[in-house]
């Protein structure tokens, strides 16, 4: 299983600084990946797929200090790289959270990953 480690919730910039905004720092030491996301498992899966990871490989989102009854780390949620890469979370106006098919943002097509936040 590929481990995605969930880090701290991060603050936003500007007048809302100092408040948490549901964006989390995540890392994947095995593949030297990290990022900030509101949906860290799914975004990590997209990064893994871009790198050519096996889309049938299982990925788990792990929090510090969460263990099973035998003392092993246990994930909060799991999926395959392919399932996670193809899925996103939406919250329409009514506030009901749903999983839907992920579509790339057309503003970012052709932009290297490290520059996506600068557009």
C-alpha atoms as a PDB file:
ATOM      1  CA  UNK A   1       0.000   0.000   0.000  1.00  0.00           C
ATOM      2  CA  UNK A   2       1.213   3.482  -0.855  1.00  0.00           C
ATOM      3  CA  UNK A   3       1.127   5.724   2.231  1.00  0.00           C
ATOM      4  CA  UNK A   4      -0.106   9.311   1.995  1.00  0.00           C
ATOM      5  CA  UNK A   5       0.642  10.995   5.298  1.00  0.00           C
ATOM      6  CA  UNK A   6      -1.753  13.724   6.345  1.00  0.00           C
ATOM      7  CA  UNK A   7       0.012  16.678   7.916  1.00  0.00           C
ATOM      8  CA  UNK A   8      -1.319  19.825   9.511  1.00  0.00           C
ATOM      9  CA  UNK A   9      -4.270  21.879   8.405  1.00  0.00           C
ATOM     10  CA  UNK A  10      -2.877  25.115   6.996  1.00  0.00           C
ATOM     11  CA  UNK A  11      -4.007  28.715   7.281  1.00  0.00           C
ATOM     12  CA  UNK A  12      -5.071  30.845   4.359  1.00  0.00           C
ATOM     13  CA  UNK A  13      -3.585  34.180   3.302  1.00  0.00           C
ATOM     14  CA  UNK A  14      -4.964  37.700   3.635  1.00  0.00           C
ATOM     15  CA  UNK A  15      -7.702  38.910   5.967  1.00  0.00           C
ATOM     16  CA  UNK A  16      -8.712  35.362   6.854  1.00  0.00           C
ATOM     17  CA  UNK A  17      -5.189  34.416   7.998  1.00  0.00           C
ATOM     18  CA  UNK A  18      -5.081  32.660  11.323  1.00  0.00           C
ATOM     19  CA  UNK A  19      -8.187  30.602  10.572  1.00  0.00           C
ATOM     20  CA  UNK A  20      -8.106  27.118   9.221  1.00  0.00           C
ATOM     21  CA  UNK A  21      -9.655  26.584   5.833  1.00  0.00           C
ATOM     22  CA  UNK A  22      -9.812  22.817   5.387  1.00  0.00           C
ATOM     23  CA  UNK A  23      -6.628  22.658   3.344  1.00  0.00           C
ATOM     24  CA  UNK A  24      -4.143  20.013   4.457  1.00  0.00           C
ATOM     25  CA  UNK A  25      -0.460  19.400   3.910  1.00  0.00           C
ATOM     26  CA  UNK A  26       0.192  15.851   2.653  1.00  0.00           C
ATOM     27  CA  UNK A  27       3.320  13.871   1.835  1.00  0.00           C
ATOM     28  CA  UNK A  28       4.186  10.616   0.119  1.00  0.00           C
ATOM     29  CA  UNK A  29       7.756   9.792   1.157  1.00  0.00           C
ATOM     30  CA  UNK A  30       7.905   6.684  -1.061  1.00  0.00           C
ATOM     31  CA  UNK A  31       7.535   8.805  -4.200  1.00  0.00           C
ATOM     32  CA  UNK A  32       8.992  12.109  -2.900  1.00  0.00           C
ATOM     33  CA  UNK A  33       5.672  13.933  -3.315  1.00  0.00           C
ATOM     34  CA  UNK A  34       3.970  16.548  -1.192  1.00  0.00           C
ATOM     35  CA  UNK A  35       1.287  19.158  -1.563  1.00  0.00           C
ATOM     36  CA  UNK A  36      -1.568  21.131  -0.030  1.00  0.00           C
ATOM     37  CA  UNK A  37      -5.136  20.123  -0.720  1.00  0.00           C
ATOM     38  CA  UNK A  38      -8.732  20.073   0.463  1.00  0.00           C
ATOM     39  CA  UNK A  39      -8.876  16.469  -0.779  1.00  0.00           C
ATOM     40  CA  UNK A  40      -5.362  15.128  -0.154  1.00  0.00           C
ATOM     41  CA  UNK A  41      -5.935  11.448  -0.981  1.00  0.00           C
ATOM     42  CA  UNK A  42      -7.538  12.203  -4.347  1.00  0.00           C
ATOM     43  CA  UNK A  43      -4.994  14.863  -5.319  1.00  0.00           C
ATOM     44  CA  UNK A  44      -2.139  12.554  -4.325  1.00  0.00           C
ATOM     45  CA  UNK A  45      -3.629   9.857  -6.565  1.00  0.00           C
ATOM     46  CA  UNK A  46      -3.617  12.280  -9.518  1.00  0.00           C
ATOM     47  CA  UNK A  47       0.041  13.111  -8.871  1.00  0.00           C
ATOM     48  CA  UNK A  48       0.906   9.405  -8.619  1.00  0.00           C
ATOM     49  CA  UNK A  49      -0.914   8.662 -11.870  1.00  0.00           C
ATOM     50  CA  UNK A  50       0.949  11.507 -13.629  1.00  0.00           C
ATOM     51  CA  UNK A  51       4.192   9.909 -12.480  1.00  0.00           C
ATOM     52  CA  UNK A  52       3.169   6.602 -14.044  1.00  0.00           C
ATOM     53  CA  UNK A  53       2.220   4.703 -10.873  1.00  0.00           C
ATOM     54  CA  UNK A  54       0.234   1.498 -11.265  1.00  0.00           C
ATOM     55  CA  UNK A  55      -3.419   2.610 -11.325  1.00  0.00           C
ATOM     56  CA  UNK A  56      -4.422  -0.610  -9.532  1.00  0.00           C
ATOM     57  CA  UNK A  57      -2.084   0.050  -6.579  1.00  0.00           C
ATOM     58  CA  UNK A  58      -3.838   0.704  -3.269  1.00  0.00           C
ATOM     59  CA  UNK A  59      -3.294   4.085  -1.620  1.00  0.00           C
ATOM     60  CA  UNK A  60      -4.130   4.950   1.979  1.00  0.00           C
ATOM     61  CA  UNK A  61      -4.454   8.266   3.809  1.00  0.00           C
ATOM     62  CA  UNK A  62      -2.759   8.012   7.216  1.00  0.00           C
ATOM     63  CA  UNK A  63      -2.975  10.341  10.224  1.00  0.00           C
ATOM     64  CA  UNK A  64      -0.300  10.471  12.910  1.00  0.00           C
ATOM     65  CA  UNK A  65      -1.172   8.392  15.948  1.00  0.00           C
ATOM     66  CA  UNK A  66      -3.880   6.230  14.337  1.00  0.00           C
ATOM     67  CA  UNK A  67      -3.210   2.506  14.886  1.00  0.00           C
ATOM     68  CA  UNK A  68      -5.126  -0.774  14.701  1.00  0.00           C
ATOM     69  CA  UNK A  69      -5.474  -3.139  17.678  1.00  0.00           C
ATOM     70  CA  UNK A  70      -2.071  -4.692  16.897  1.00  0.00           C
ATOM     71  CA  UNK A  71      -0.281  -1.330  16.921  1.00  0.00           C
ATOM     72  CA  UNK A  72       0.092  -0.972  13.144  1.00  0.00           C
ATOM     73  CA  UNK A  73      -0.720   2.307  11.402  1.00  0.00           C
ATOM     74  CA  UNK A  74      -4.187   2.172   9.884  1.00  0.00           C
ATOM     75  CA  UNK A  75      -5.512   4.423   7.104  1.00  0.00           C
ATOM     76  CA  UNK A  76      -8.531   6.688   7.433  1.00  0.00           C
ATOM     77  CA  UNK A  77      -9.503   5.911   3.856  1.00  0.00           C
ATOM     78  CA  UNK A  78      -8.182   3.920   0.918  1.00  0.00           C
ATOM     79  CA  UNK A  79      -8.709   3.596  -2.824  1.00  0.00           C
ATOM     80  CA  UNK A  80      -6.717   2.608  -5.882  1.00  0.00           C
ATOM     81  CA  UNK A  81      -4.572   5.181  -7.683  1.00  0.00           C
ATOM     82  CA  UNK A  82      -6.934   5.000 -10.676  1.00  0.00           C
ATOM     83  CA  UNK A  83     -10.129   5.418  -8.631  1.00  0.00           C
ATOM     84  CA  UNK A  84      -8.727   8.336  -6.662  1.00  0.00           C
ATOM     85  CA  UNK A  85      -7.315  10.066  -9.750  1.00  0.00           C
ATOM     86  CA  UNK A  86     -10.699   9.866 -11.478  1.00  0.00           C
ATOM     87  CA  UNK A  87     -12.689  11.250  -8.533  1.00  0.00           C
ATOM     88  CA  UNK A  88     -13.200  14.630  -6.884  1.00  0.00           C
ATOM     89  CA  UNK A  89     -15.468  16.022  -4.197  1.00  0.00           C
ATOM     90  CA  UNK A  90     -18.137  18.603  -4.913  1.00  0.00           C
ATOM     91  CA  UNK A  91     -20.359  20.552  -2.556  1.00  0.00           C
ATOM     92  CA  UNK A  92     -23.210  22.154  -4.476  1.00  0.00           C
ATOM     93  CA  UNK A  93     -25.075  25.121  -3.038  1.00  0.00           C
ATOM     94  CA  UNK A  94     -27.283  22.893  -0.916  1.00  0.00           C
ATOM     95  CA  UNK A  95     -24.232  21.761   1.056  1.00  0.00           C
ATOM     96  CA  UNK A  96     -24.524  18.063   0.212  1.00  0.00           C
ATOM     97  CA  UNK A  97     -21.066  16.619  -0.387  1.00  0.00           C
ATOM     98  CA  UNK A  98     -20.772  14.218  -3.336  1.00  0.00           C
ATOM     99  CA  UNK A  99     -18.063  12.281  -5.134  1.00  0.00           C
ATOM    100  CA  UNK A 100     -18.070  13.035  -8.873  1.00  0.00           C
ATOM    101  CA  UNK A 101     -15.877  12.427 -11.906  1.00  0.00           C
ATOM    102  CA  UNK A 102     -12.774  14.633 -11.892  1.00  0.00           C
ATOM    103  CA  UNK A 103     -12.155  16.943 -14.850  1.00  0.00           C
ATOM    104  CA  UNK A 104      -8.885  18.828 -15.321  1.00  0.00           C
ATOM    105  CA  UNK A 105      -9.071  22.598 -15.049  1.00  0.00           C
ATOM    106  CA  UNK A 106      -8.599  23.934 -18.602  1.00  0.00           C
ATOM    107  CA  UNK A 107      -6.527  26.861 -17.265  1.00  0.00           C
ATOM    108  CA  UNK A 108      -3.836  24.385 -16.194  1.00  0.00           C
ATOM    109  CA  UNK A 109      -3.593  22.199 -19.303  1.00  0.00           C
ATOM    110  CA  UNK A 110      -0.018  22.130 -20.521  1.00  0.00           C
ATOM    111  CA  UNK A 111       1.301  23.893 -17.396  1.00  0.00           C
ATOM    112  CA  UNK A 112       4.014  21.993 -15.460  1.00  0.00           C
ATOM    113  CA  UNK A 113       2.762  20.859 -12.021  1.00  0.00           C
ATOM    114  CA  UNK A 114       5.198  23.039 -10.077  1.00  0.00           C
ATOM    115  CA  UNK A 115       3.804  26.186 -11.756  1.00  0.00           C
ATOM    116  CA  UNK A 116       0.069  25.521 -11.388  1.00  0.00           C
ATOM    117  CA  UNK A 117      -0.383  27.798  -8.389  1.00  0.00           C
ATOM    118  CA  UNK A 118       1.128  30.776 -10.188  1.00  0.00           C
ATOM    119  CA  UNK A 119      -1.448  31.360 -12.926  1.00  0.00           C
END
